[in-house]
Amino acid sequence: MIEPAHHRLLIAAQCRLLSSSRSSYYYYAPVPETEETLALLQVIDAVVLDYPWFGSRQMVRHLRREGHDGGRRRVRRLMGKMGLSPIDQRPRTSDPHP
């Protein structure tokens, strides 16, 4: 119903007339993951089983040694998407000293 090339009404005005938000006009459906990304997800999942303490930085170094391509932010996003987090000892700053 919205005409982007309308000669008098801007897109914002057309959205206001339709009681719709501009963000819903500009929304695009999510793009599915590529085959390359799905393959990288499988590799990350296999590596996490062997090295559960690897975070995104160590994971990237390990993947590059194995010949896979991917930056730290991409690996971090994919690990978060799978719900993977490294097993590490957290600082216990609120516990009183015995």
PDB file of N, CA and C in Angstrom:
ATOM      1  N   MET A   1       0.807  -1.195   0.000  1.00  0.00           N
ATOM      2  CA  MET A   1       0.000   0.000   0.000  1.00  0.00           C
ATOM      3  C   MET A   1       0.855   1.265   0.000  1.00  0.00           C
ATOM      4  N   ILE A   2       2.095   1.134   0.398  1.00  0.00           N
ATOM      5  CA  ILE A   2       2.971   2.296   0.445  1.00  0.00           C
ATOM      6  C   ILE A   2       3.713   2.410  -0.875  1.00  0.00           C
ATOM      7  N   GLU A   3       3.669   3.611  -1.441  1.00  0.00           N
ATOM      8  CA  GLU A   3       4.378   3.869  -2.690  1.00  0.00           C
ATOM      9  C   GLU A   3       5.669   4.619  -2.378  1.00  0.00           C
ATOM     10  N   PRO A   4       6.823   3.976  -2.572  1.00  0.00           N
ATOM     11  CA  PRO A   4       8.077   4.662  -2.254  1.00  0.00           C
ATOM     12  C   PRO A   4       8.357   5.865  -3.156  1.00  0.00           C
ATOM     13  N   ALA A   5       7.854   5.856  -4.376  1.00  0.00           N
ATOM     14  CA  ALA A   5       8.145   6.937  -5.321  1.00  0.00           C
ATOM     15  C   ALA A   5       6.991   7.936  -5.418  1.00  0.00           C
ATOM     16  N   HIS A   6       6.177   8.035  -4.375  1.00  0.00           N
ATOM     17  CA  HIS A   6       5.057   8.982  -4.401  1.00  0.00           C
ATOM     18  C   HIS A   6       5.602  10.401  -4.473  1.00  0.00           C
ATOM     19  N   HIS A   7       4.988  11.225  -5.325  1.00  0.00           N
ATOM     20  CA  HIS A   7       5.541  12.554  -5.570  1.00  0.00           C
ATOM     21  C   HIS A   7       5.208  13.566  -4.470  1.00  0.00           C
ATOM     22  N   ARG A   8       4.218  13.331  -3.600  1.00  0.00           N
ATOM     23  CA  ARG A   8       3.875  14.298  -2.574  1.00  0.00           C
ATOM     24  C   ARG A   8       4.131  13.791  -1.154  1.00  0.00           C
ATOM     25  N   LEU A   9       3.825  12.514  -0.902  1.00  0.00           N
ATOM     26  CA  LEU A   9       3.924  12.003   0.461  1.00  0.00           C
ATOM     27  C   LEU A   9       5.216  11.230   0.676  1.00  0.00           C
ATOM     28  N   LEU A  10       5.891  11.574   1.737  1.00  0.00           N
ATOM     29  CA  LEU A  10       7.076  10.816   2.112  1.00  0.00           C
ATOM     30  C   LEU A  10       6.653   9.466   2.687  1.00  0.00           C
ATOM     31  N   ILE A  11       7.600   8.571   2.785  1.00  0.00           N
ATOM     32  CA  ILE A  11       7.317   7.246   3.325  1.00  0.00           C
ATOM     33  C   ILE A  11       6.843   7.360   4.774  1.00  0.00           C
ATOM     34  N   ALA A  12       7.452   8.259   5.542  1.00  0.00           N
ATOM     35  CA  ALA A  12       7.058   8.438   6.935  1.00  0.00           C
ATOM     36  C   ALA A  12       5.601   8.893   7.034  1.00  0.00           C
ATOM     37  N   ALA A  13       5.193   9.806   6.183  1.00  0.00           N
ATOM     38  CA  ALA A  13       3.816  10.287   6.208  1.00  0.00           C
ATOM     39  C   ALA A  13       2.846   9.184   5.800  1.00  0.00           C
ATOM     40  N   GLN A  14       3.216   8.394   4.809  1.00  0.00           N
ATOM     41  CA  GLN A  14       2.352   7.285   4.390  1.00  0.00           C
ATOM     42  C   GLN A  14       2.207   6.257   5.508  1.00  0.00           C
ATOM     43  N   CYS A  15       3.280   6.002   6.222  1.00  0.00           N
ATOM     44  CA  CYS A  15       3.220   5.061   7.345  1.00  0.00           C
ATOM     45  C   CYS A  15       2.336   5.601   8.460  1.00  0.00           C
ATOM     46  N   ARG A  16       2.423   6.904   8.720  1.00  0.00           N
ATOM     47  CA  ARG A  16       1.565   7.507   9.745  1.00  0.00           C
ATOM     48  C   ARG A  16       0.094   7.409   9.351  1.00  0.00           C
ATOM     49  N   LEU A  17      -0.216   7.637   8.078  1.00  0.00           N
ATOM     50  CA  LEU A  17      -1.601   7.539   7.618  1.00  0.00           C
ATOM     51  C   LEU A  17      -2.138   6.114   7.754  1.00  0.00           C
ATOM     52  N   LEU A  18      -1.270   5.128   7.596  1.00  0.00           N
ATOM     53  CA  LEU A  18      -1.683   3.732   7.705  1.00  0.00           C
ATOM     54  C   LEU A  18      -1.567   3.191   9.126  1.00  0.00           C
ATOM     55  N   SER A  19      -1.149   4.056  10.056  1.00  0.00           N
ATOM     56  CA  SER A  19      -0.927   3.651  11.457  1.00  0.00           C
ATOM     57  C   SER A  19       0.054   2.488  11.538  1.00  0.00           C
ATOM     58  N   SER A  20       1.104   2.610  10.781  1.00  0.00           N
ATOM     59  CA  SER A  20       2.144   1.590  10.761  1.00  0.00           C
ATOM     60  C   SER A  20       3.484   2.255  11.048  1.00  0.00           C
ATOM     61  N   SER A  21       4.405   1.497  11.606  1.00  0.00           N
ATOM     62  CA  SER A  21       5.716   2.064  11.892  1.00  0.00           C
ATOM     63  C   SER A  21       6.608   1.975  10.652  1.00  0.00           C
ATOM     64  N   ARG A  22       7.550   2.900  10.576  1.00  0.00           N
ATOM     65  CA  ARG A  22       8.468   2.869   9.438  1.00  0.00           C
ATOM     66  C   ARG A  22       9.352   1.641   9.478  1.00  0.00           C
ATOM     67  N   SER A  23       9.681   1.159  10.671  1.00  0.00           N
ATOM     68  CA  SER A  23      10.548  -0.012  10.767  1.00  0.00           C
ATOM     69  C   SER A  23       9.876  -1.243  10.184  1.00  0.00           C
ATOM     70  N   SER A  24       8.554  -1.341  10.309  1.00  0.00           N
ATOM     71  CA  SER A  24       7.872  -2.493   9.711  1.00  0.00           C
ATOM     72  C   SER A  24       7.865  -2.378   8.181  1.00  0.00           C
ATOM     73  N   TYR A  25       7.943  -1.166   7.651  1.00  0.00           N
ATOM     74  CA  TYR A  25       8.039  -1.001   6.203  1.00  0.00           C
ATOM     75  C   TYR A  25       9.407  -1.452   5.696  1.00  0.00           C
ATOM     76  N   TYR A  26      10.465  -1.125   6.452  1.00  0.00           N
ATOM     77  CA  TYR A  26      11.811  -1.453   6.014  1.00  0.00           C
ATOM     78  C   TYR A  26      12.245  -2.855   6.421  1.00  0.00           C
ATOM     79  N   TYR A  27      11.405  -3.590   7.166  1.00  0.00           N
ATOM     80  CA  TYR A  27      11.776  -4.925   7.654  1.00  0.00           C
ATOM     81  C   TYR A  27      11.924  -5.896   6.496  1.00  0.00           C
ATOM     82  N   TYR A  28      13.010  -6.655   6.530  1.00  0.00           N
ATOM     83  CA  TYR A  28      13.221  -7.731   5.573  1.00  0.00           C
ATOM     84  C   TYR A  28      13.212  -9.044   6.337  1.00  0.00           C
ATOM     85  N   ALA A  29      12.713 -10.075   5.735  1.00  0.00           N
ATOM     86  CA  ALA A  29      12.676 -11.383   6.389  1.00  0.00           C
ATOM     87  C   ALA A  29      14.100 -11.863   6.653  1.00  0.00           C
ATOM     88  N   PRO A  30      14.320 -12.592   7.741  1.00  0.00           N
ATOM     89  CA  PRO A  30      15.670 -13.065   8.034  1.00  0.00           C
ATOM     90  C   PRO A  30      16.190 -14.000   6.947  1.00  0.00           C
ATOM     91  N   VAL A  31      17.461 -13.872   6.675  1.00  0.00           N
ATOM     92  CA  VAL A  31      18.097 -14.676   5.640  1.00  0.00           C
ATOM     93  C   VAL A  31      18.616 -15.965   6.280  1.00  0.00           C
ATOM     94  N   PRO A  32      18.318 -17.115   5.693  1.00  0.00           N
ATOM     95  CA  PRO A  32      18.825 -18.368   6.276  1.00  0.00           C
ATOM     96  C   PRO A  32      20.343 -18.455   6.168  1.00  0.00           C
ATOM     97  N   GLU A  33      20.928 -19.269   7.032  1.00  0.00           N
ATOM     98  CA  GLU A  33      22.379 -19.441   7.045  1.00  0.00           C
ATOM     99  C   GLU A  33      22.843 -20.148   5.776  1.00  0.00           C
ATOM    100  N   THR A  34      24.028 -19.795   5.320  1.00  0.00           N
ATOM    101  CA  THR A  34      24.579 -20.404   4.121  1.00  0.00           C
ATOM    102  C   THR A  34      25.142 -21.785   4.441  1.00  0.00           C
ATOM    103  N   GLU A  35      25.439 -22.539   3.404  1.00  0.00           N
ATOM    104  CA  GLU A  35      26.019 -23.875   3.577  1.00  0.00           C
ATOM    105  C   GLU A  35      27.393 -23.792   4.247  1.00  0.00           C
ATOM    106  N   GLU A  36      28.154 -22.763   3.898  1.00  0.00           N
ATOM    107  CA  GLU A  36      29.474 -22.569   4.492  1.00  0.00           C
ATOM    108  C   GLU A  36      29.365 -22.342   6.001  1.00  0.00           C
ATOM    109  N   THR A  37      28.377 -21.536   6.401  1.00  0.00           N
ATOM    110  CA  THR A  37      28.184 -21.264   7.820  1.00  0.00           C
ATOM    111  C   THR A  37      27.710 -22.512   8.552  1.00  0.00           C
ATOM    112  N   LEU A  38      26.834 -23.293   7.933  1.00  0.00           N
ATOM    113  CA  LEU A  38      26.367 -24.525   8.562  1.00  0.00           C
ATOM    114  C   LEU A  38      27.513 -25.515   8.744  1.00  0.00           C
ATOM    115  N   ALA A  39      28.415 -25.570   7.769  1.00  0.00           N
ATOM    116  CA  ALA A  39      29.578 -26.444   7.898  1.00  0.00           C
ATOM    117  C   ALA A  39      30.484 -25.961   9.028  1.00  0.00           C
ATOM    118  N   LEU A  40      30.640 -24.632   9.146  1.00  0.00           N
ATOM    119  CA  LEU A  40      31.457 -24.077  10.222  1.00  0.00           C
ATOM    120  C   LEU A  40      30.819 -24.349  11.588  1.00  0.00           C
ATOM    121  N   LEU A  41      29.496 -24.330  11.657  1.00  0.00           N
ATOM    122  CA  LEU A  41      28.800 -24.659  12.896  1.00  0.00           C
ATOM    123  C   LEU A  41      29.104 -26.092  13.333  1.00  0.00           C
ATOM    124  N   GLN A  42      29.126 -27.003  12.390  1.00  0.00           N
ATOM    125  CA  GLN A  42      29.426 -28.396  12.718  1.00  0.00           C
ATOM    126  C   GLN A  42      30.864 -28.544  13.210  1.00  0.00           C
ATOM    127  N   VAL A  43      31.781 -27.830  12.585  1.00  0.00           N
ATOM    128  CA  VAL A  43      33.182 -27.900  12.999  1.00  0.00           C
ATOM    129  C   VAL A  43      33.338 -27.319  14.407  1.00  0.00           C
ATOM    130  N   ILE A  44      32.690 -26.192  14.673  1.00  0.00           N
ATOM    131  CA  ILE A  44      32.771 -25.574  16.000  1.00  0.00           C
ATOM    132  C   ILE A  44      32.196 -26.515  17.047  1.00  0.00           C
ATOM    133  N   ASP A  45      31.091 -27.157  16.736  1.00  0.00           N
ATOM    134  CA  ASP A  45      30.472 -28.079  17.679  1.00  0.00           C
ATOM    135  C   ASP A  45      31.402 -29.245  17.998  1.00  0.00           C
ATOM    136  N   ALA A  46      32.094 -29.760  16.987  1.00  0.00           N
ATOM    137  CA  ALA A  46      33.023 -30.862  17.217  1.00  0.00           C
ATOM    138  C   ALA A  46      34.226 -30.418  18.041  1.00  0.00           C
ATOM    139  N   VAL A  47      34.717 -29.209  17.802  1.00  0.00           N
ATOM    140  CA  VAL A  47      35.876 -28.710  18.535  1.00  0.00           C
ATOM    141  C   VAL A  47      35.514 -28.461  20.000  1.00  0.00           C
ATOM    142  N   VAL A  48      34.308 -27.965  20.258  1.00  0.00           N
ATOM    143  CA  VAL A  48      33.889 -27.683  21.630  1.00  0.00           C
ATOM    144  C   VAL A  48      33.811 -28.969  22.442  1.00  0.00           C
ATOM    145  N   LEU A  49      33.466 -30.085  21.809  1.00  0.00           N
ATOM    146  CA  LEU A  49      33.440 -31.359  22.530  1.00  0.00           C
ATOM    147  C   LEU A  49      34.845 -31.766  22.984  1.00  0.00           C
ATOM    148  N   ASP A  50      35.851 -31.446  22.173  1.00  0.00           N
ATOM    149  CA  ASP A  50      37.229 -31.783  22.534  1.00  0.00           C
ATOM    150  C   ASP A  50      37.849 -30.755  23.477  1.00  0.00           C
ATOM    151  N   TYR A  51      37.547 -29.498  23.256  1.00  0.00           N
ATOM    152  CA  TYR A  51      38.137 -28.403  24.036  1.00  0.00           C
ATOM    153  C   TYR A  51      37.023 -27.503  24.574  1.00  0.00           C
ATOM    154  N   PRO A  52      36.339 -27.897  25.661  1.00  0.00           N
ATOM    155  CA  PRO A  52      35.198 -27.100  26.141  1.00  0.00           C
ATOM    156  C   PRO A  52      35.593 -25.765  26.771  1.00  0.00           C
ATOM    157  N   TRP A  53      36.865 -25.545  27.018  1.00  0.00           N
ATOM    158  CA  TRP A  53      37.301 -24.278  27.617  1.00  0.00           C
ATOM    159  C   TRP A  53      37.642 -23.225  26.582  1.00  0.00           C
ATOM    160  N   PHE A  54      37.547 -23.551  25.299  1.00  0.00           N
ATOM    161  CA  PHE A  54      37.863 -22.585  24.256  1.00  0.00           C
ATOM    162  C   PHE A  54      36.785 -21.509  24.179  1.00  0.00           C
ATOM    163  N   GLY A  55      37.220 -20.259  24.235  1.00  0.00           N
ATOM    164  CA  GLY A  55      36.344 -19.137  23.960  1.00  0.00           C
ATOM    165  C   GLY A  55      36.423 -18.800  22.482  1.00  0.00           C
ATOM    166  N   SER A  56      35.887 -17.671  22.106  1.00  0.00           N
ATOM    167  CA  SER A  56      35.856 -17.315  20.692  1.00  0.00           C
ATOM    168  C   SER A  56      37.259 -17.051  20.137  1.00  0.00           C
ATOM    169  N   ARG A  57      38.150 -16.468  20.938  1.00  0.00           N
ATOM    170  CA  ARG A  57      39.501 -16.159  20.451  1.00  0.00           C
ATOM    171  C   ARG A  57      40.307 -17.424  20.212  1.00  0.00           C
ATOM    172  N   GLN A  58      40.278 -18.337  21.190  1.00  0.00           N
ATOM    173  CA  GLN A  58      41.006 -19.588  21.011  1.00  0.00           C
ATOM    174  C   GLN A  58      40.387 -20.426  19.903  1.00  0.00           C
ATOM    175  N   MET A  59      39.060 -20.360  19.790  1.00  0.00           N
ATOM    176  CA  MET A  59      38.371 -21.126  18.747  1.00  0.00           C
ATOM    177  C   MET A  59      38.798 -20.642  17.370  1.00  0.00           C
ATOM    178  N   VAL A  60      38.919 -19.339  17.191  1.00  0.00           N
ATOM    179  CA  VAL A  60      39.344 -18.795  15.899  1.00  0.00           C
ATOM    180  C   VAL A  60      40.755 -19.257  15.562  1.00  0.00           C
ATOM    181  N   ARG A  61      41.656 -19.209  16.549  1.00  0.00           N
ATOM    182  CA  ARG A  61      43.027 -19.664  16.308  1.00  0.00           C
ATOM    183  C   ARG A  61      43.054 -21.136  15.921  1.00  0.00           C
ATOM    184  N   HIS A  62      42.262 -21.937  16.611  1.00  0.00           N
ATOM    185  CA  HIS A  62      42.215 -23.369  16.318  1.00  0.00           C
ATOM    186  C   HIS A  62      41.629 -23.623  14.920  1.00  0.00           C
ATOM    187  N   LEU A  63      40.582 -22.903  14.577  1.00  0.00           N
ATOM    188  CA  LEU A  63      39.963 -23.078  13.261  1.00  0.00           C
ATOM    189  C   LEU A  63      40.908 -22.664  12.139  1.00  0.00           C
ATOM    190  N   ARG A  64      41.654 -21.600  12.355  1.00  0.00           N
ATOM    191  CA  ARG A  64      42.603 -21.150  11.323  1.00  0.00           C
ATOM    192  C   ARG A  64      43.735 -22.156  11.143  1.00  0.00           C
ATOM    193  N   ARG A  65      44.170 -22.789  12.244  1.00  0.00           N
ATOM    194  CA  ARG A  65      45.189 -23.832  12.124  1.00  0.00           C
ATOM    195  C   ARG A  65      44.668 -25.021  11.322  1.00  0.00           C
ATOM    196  N   GLU A  66      43.371 -25.284  11.428  1.00  0.00           N
ATOM    197  CA  GLU A  66      42.775 -26.392  10.673  1.00  0.00           C
ATOM    198  C   GLU A  66      42.386 -25.998   9.255  1.00  0.00           C
ATOM    199  N   GLY A  67      42.529 -24.729   8.905  1.00  0.00           N
ATOM    200  CA  GLY A  67      42.267 -24.293   7.542  1.00  0.00           C
ATOM    201  C   GLY A  67      40.882 -23.724   7.309  1.00  0.00           C
ATOM    202  N   HIS A  68      40.140 -23.432   8.365  1.00  0.00           N
ATOM    203  CA  HIS A  68      38.809 -22.844   8.221  1.00  0.00           C
ATOM    204  C   HIS A  68      38.909 -21.336   8.353  1.00  0.00           C
ATOM    205  N   ASP A  69      37.995 -20.644   7.682  1.00  0.00           N
ATOM    206  CA  ASP A  69      38.018 -19.192   7.674  1.00  0.00           C
ATOM    207  C   ASP A  69      36.880 -18.668   8.536  1.00  0.00           C
ATOM    208  N   GLY A  70      37.135 -17.635   9.291  1.00  0.00           N
ATOM    209  CA  GLY A  70      36.096 -17.013  10.103  1.00  0.00           C
ATOM    210  C   GLY A  70      36.727 -16.104  11.130  1.00  0.00           C
ATOM    211  N   GLY A  71      36.135 -14.955  11.306  1.00  0.00           N
ATOM    212  CA  GLY A  71      36.653 -14.002  12.274  1.00  0.00           C
ATOM    213  C   GLY A  71      36.105 -14.256  13.666  1.00  0.00           C
ATOM    214  N   ARG A  72      36.623 -13.509  14.625  1.00  0.00           N
ATOM    215  CA  ARG A  72      36.228 -13.714  16.014  1.00  0.00           C
ATOM    216  C   ARG A  72      34.768 -13.359  16.249  1.00  0.00           C
ATOM    217  N   ARG A  73      34.315 -12.293  15.652  1.00  0.00           N
ATOM    218  CA  ARG A  73      32.918 -11.891  15.861  1.00  0.00           C
ATOM    219  C   ARG A  73      31.951 -12.906  15.253  1.00  0.00           C
ATOM    220  N   ARG A  74      32.326 -13.447  14.125  1.00  0.00           N
ATOM    221  CA  ARG A  74      31.473 -14.464  13.490  1.00  0.00           C
ATOM    222  C   ARG A  74      31.422 -15.717  14.345  1.00  0.00           C
ATOM    223  N   VAL A  75      32.584 -16.153  14.832  1.00  0.00           N
ATOM    224  CA  VAL A  75      32.638 -17.345  15.666  1.00  0.00           C
ATOM    225  C   VAL A  75      31.888 -17.102  16.965  1.00  0.00           C
ATOM    226  N   ARG A  76      32.022 -15.914  17.522  1.00  0.00           N
ATOM    227  CA  ARG A  76      31.302 -15.587  18.750  1.00  0.00           C
ATOM    228  C   ARG A  76      29.795 -15.624  18.530  1.00  0.00           C
ATOM    229  N   ARG A  77      29.348 -15.087  17.403  1.00  0.00           N
ATOM    230  CA  ARG A  77      27.916 -15.100  17.088  1.00  0.00           C
ATOM    231  C   ARG A  77      27.410 -16.522  16.922  1.00  0.00           C
ATOM    232  N   LEU A  78      28.184 -17.352  16.225  1.00  0.00           N
ATOM    233  CA  LEU A  78      27.760 -18.725  16.003  1.00  0.00           C
ATOM    234  C   LEU A  78      27.767 -19.527  17.297  1.00  0.00           C
ATOM    235  N   MET A  79      28.752 -19.301  18.146  1.00  0.00           N
ATOM    236  CA  MET A  79      28.784 -20.000  19.433  1.00  0.00           C
ATOM    237  C   MET A  79      27.596 -19.578  20.298  1.00  0.00           C
ATOM    238  N   GLY A  80      27.252 -18.313  20.261  1.00  0.00           N
ATOM    239  CA  GLY A  80      26.089 -17.844  21.001  1.00  0.00           C
ATOM    240  C   GLY A  80      24.795 -18.397  20.446  1.00  0.00           C
ATOM    241  N   LYS A  81      24.736 -18.543  19.140  1.00  0.00           N
ATOM    242  CA  LYS A  81      23.544 -19.090  18.506  1.00  0.00           C
ATOM    243  C   LYS A  81      23.317 -20.540  18.918  1.00  0.00           C
ATOM    244  N   MET A  82      24.411 -21.288  19.110  1.00  0.00           N
ATOM    245  CA  MET A  82      24.303 -22.676  19.547  1.00  0.00           C
ATOM    246  C   MET A  82      24.216 -22.802  21.063  1.00  0.00           C
ATOM    247  N   GLY A  83      24.369 -21.698  21.774  1.00  0.00           N
ATOM    248  CA  GLY A  83      24.305 -21.735  23.230  1.00  0.00           C
ATOM    249  C   GLY A  83      25.579 -22.259  23.871  1.00  0.00           C
ATOM    250  N   LEU A  84      26.700 -22.105  23.188  1.00  0.00           N
ATOM    251  CA  LEU A  84      27.975 -22.595  23.701  1.00  0.00           C
ATOM    252  C   LEU A  84      28.705 -21.480  24.432  1.00  0.00           C
ATOM    253  N   SER A  85      29.207 -21.802  25.594  1.00  0.00           N
ATOM    254  CA  SER A  85      30.046 -20.865  26.324  1.00  0.00           C
ATOM    255  C   SER A  85      31.186 -21.663  26.932  1.00  0.00           C
ATOM    256  N   PRO A  86      32.356 -21.062  27.051  1.00  0.00           N
ATOM    257  CA  PRO A  86      33.506 -21.802  27.568  1.00  0.00           C
ATOM    258  C   PRO A  86      33.348 -22.141  29.046  1.00  0.00           C
ATOM    259  N   ILE A  87      33.919 -23.264  29.422  1.00  0.00           N
ATOM    260  CA  ILE A  87      33.946 -23.657  30.831  1.00  0.00           C
ATOM    261  C   ILE A  87      35.189 -23.018  31.424  1.00  0.00           C
ATOM    262  N   ASP A  88      34.999 -22.111  32.340  1.00  0.00           N
ATOM    263  CA  ASP A  88      36.141 -21.459  32.965  1.00  0.00           C
ATOM    264  C   ASP A  88      35.792 -21.123  34.402  1.00  0.00           C
ATOM    265  N   GLN A  89      36.792 -20.826  35.163  1.00  0.00           N
ATOM    266  CA  GLN A  89      36.598 -20.479  36.555  1.00  0.00           C
ATOM    267  C   GLN A  89      36.319 -18.990  36.648  1.00  0.00           C
ATOM    268  N   ARG A  90      35.191 -18.664  37.193  1.00  0.00           N
ATOM    269  CA  ARG A  90      34.799 -17.265  37.331  1.00  0.00           C
ATOM    270  C   ARG A  90      35.404 -16.670  38.599  1.00  0.00           C
ATOM    271  N   PRO A  91      35.719 -15.401  38.604  1.00  0.00           N
ATOM    272  CA  PRO A  91      36.196 -14.790  39.840  1.00  0.00           C
ATOM    273  C   PRO A  91      35.071 -14.697  40.851  1.00  0.00           C
ATOM    274  N   ARG A  92      35.341 -15.106  42.069  1.00  0.00           N
ATOM    275  CA  ARG A  92      34.324 -15.079  43.124  1.00  0.00           C
ATOM    276  C   ARG A  92      34.624 -13.898  44.034  1.00  0.00           C
ATOM    277  N   THR A  93      34.274 -12.730  43.596  1.00  0.00           N
ATOM    278  CA  THR A  93      34.638 -11.518  44.327  1.00  0.00           C
ATOM    279  C   THR A  93      33.688 -11.223  45.482  1.00  0.00           C
ATOM    280  N   SER A  94      32.514 -11.832  45.499  1.00  0.00           N
ATOM    281  CA  SER A  94      31.554 -11.546  46.566  1.00  0.00           C
ATOM    282  C   SER A  94      31.660 -12.513  47.735  1.00  0.00           C
ATOM    283  N   ASP A  95      32.400 -13.596  47.591  1.00  0.00           N
ATOM    284  CA  ASP A  95      32.539 -14.550  48.668  1.00  0.00           C
ATOM    285  C   ASP A  95      33.500 -14.004  49.723  1.00  0.00           C
ATOM    286  N   PRO A  96      33.094 -14.066  50.997  1.00  0.00           N
ATOM    287  CA  PRO A  96      34.012 -13.574  52.035  1.00  0.00           C
ATOM    288  C   PRO A  96      35.191 -14.522  52.239  1.00  0.00           C
ATOM    289  N   HIS A  97      36.282 -13.982  52.660  1.00  0.00           N
ATOM    290  CA  HIS A  97      37.464 -14.790  52.948  1.00  0.00           C
ATOM    291  C   HIS A  97      37.221 -15.608  54.212  1.00  0.00           C
ATOM    292  N   PRO A  98      37.627 -16.910  54.239  1.00  0.00           N
ATOM    293  CA  PRO A  98      37.354 -17.722  55.428  1.00  0.00           C
ATOM    294  C   PRO A  98      38.131 -17.185  56.597  1.00  0.00           C
TER     295      PRO A  98
END
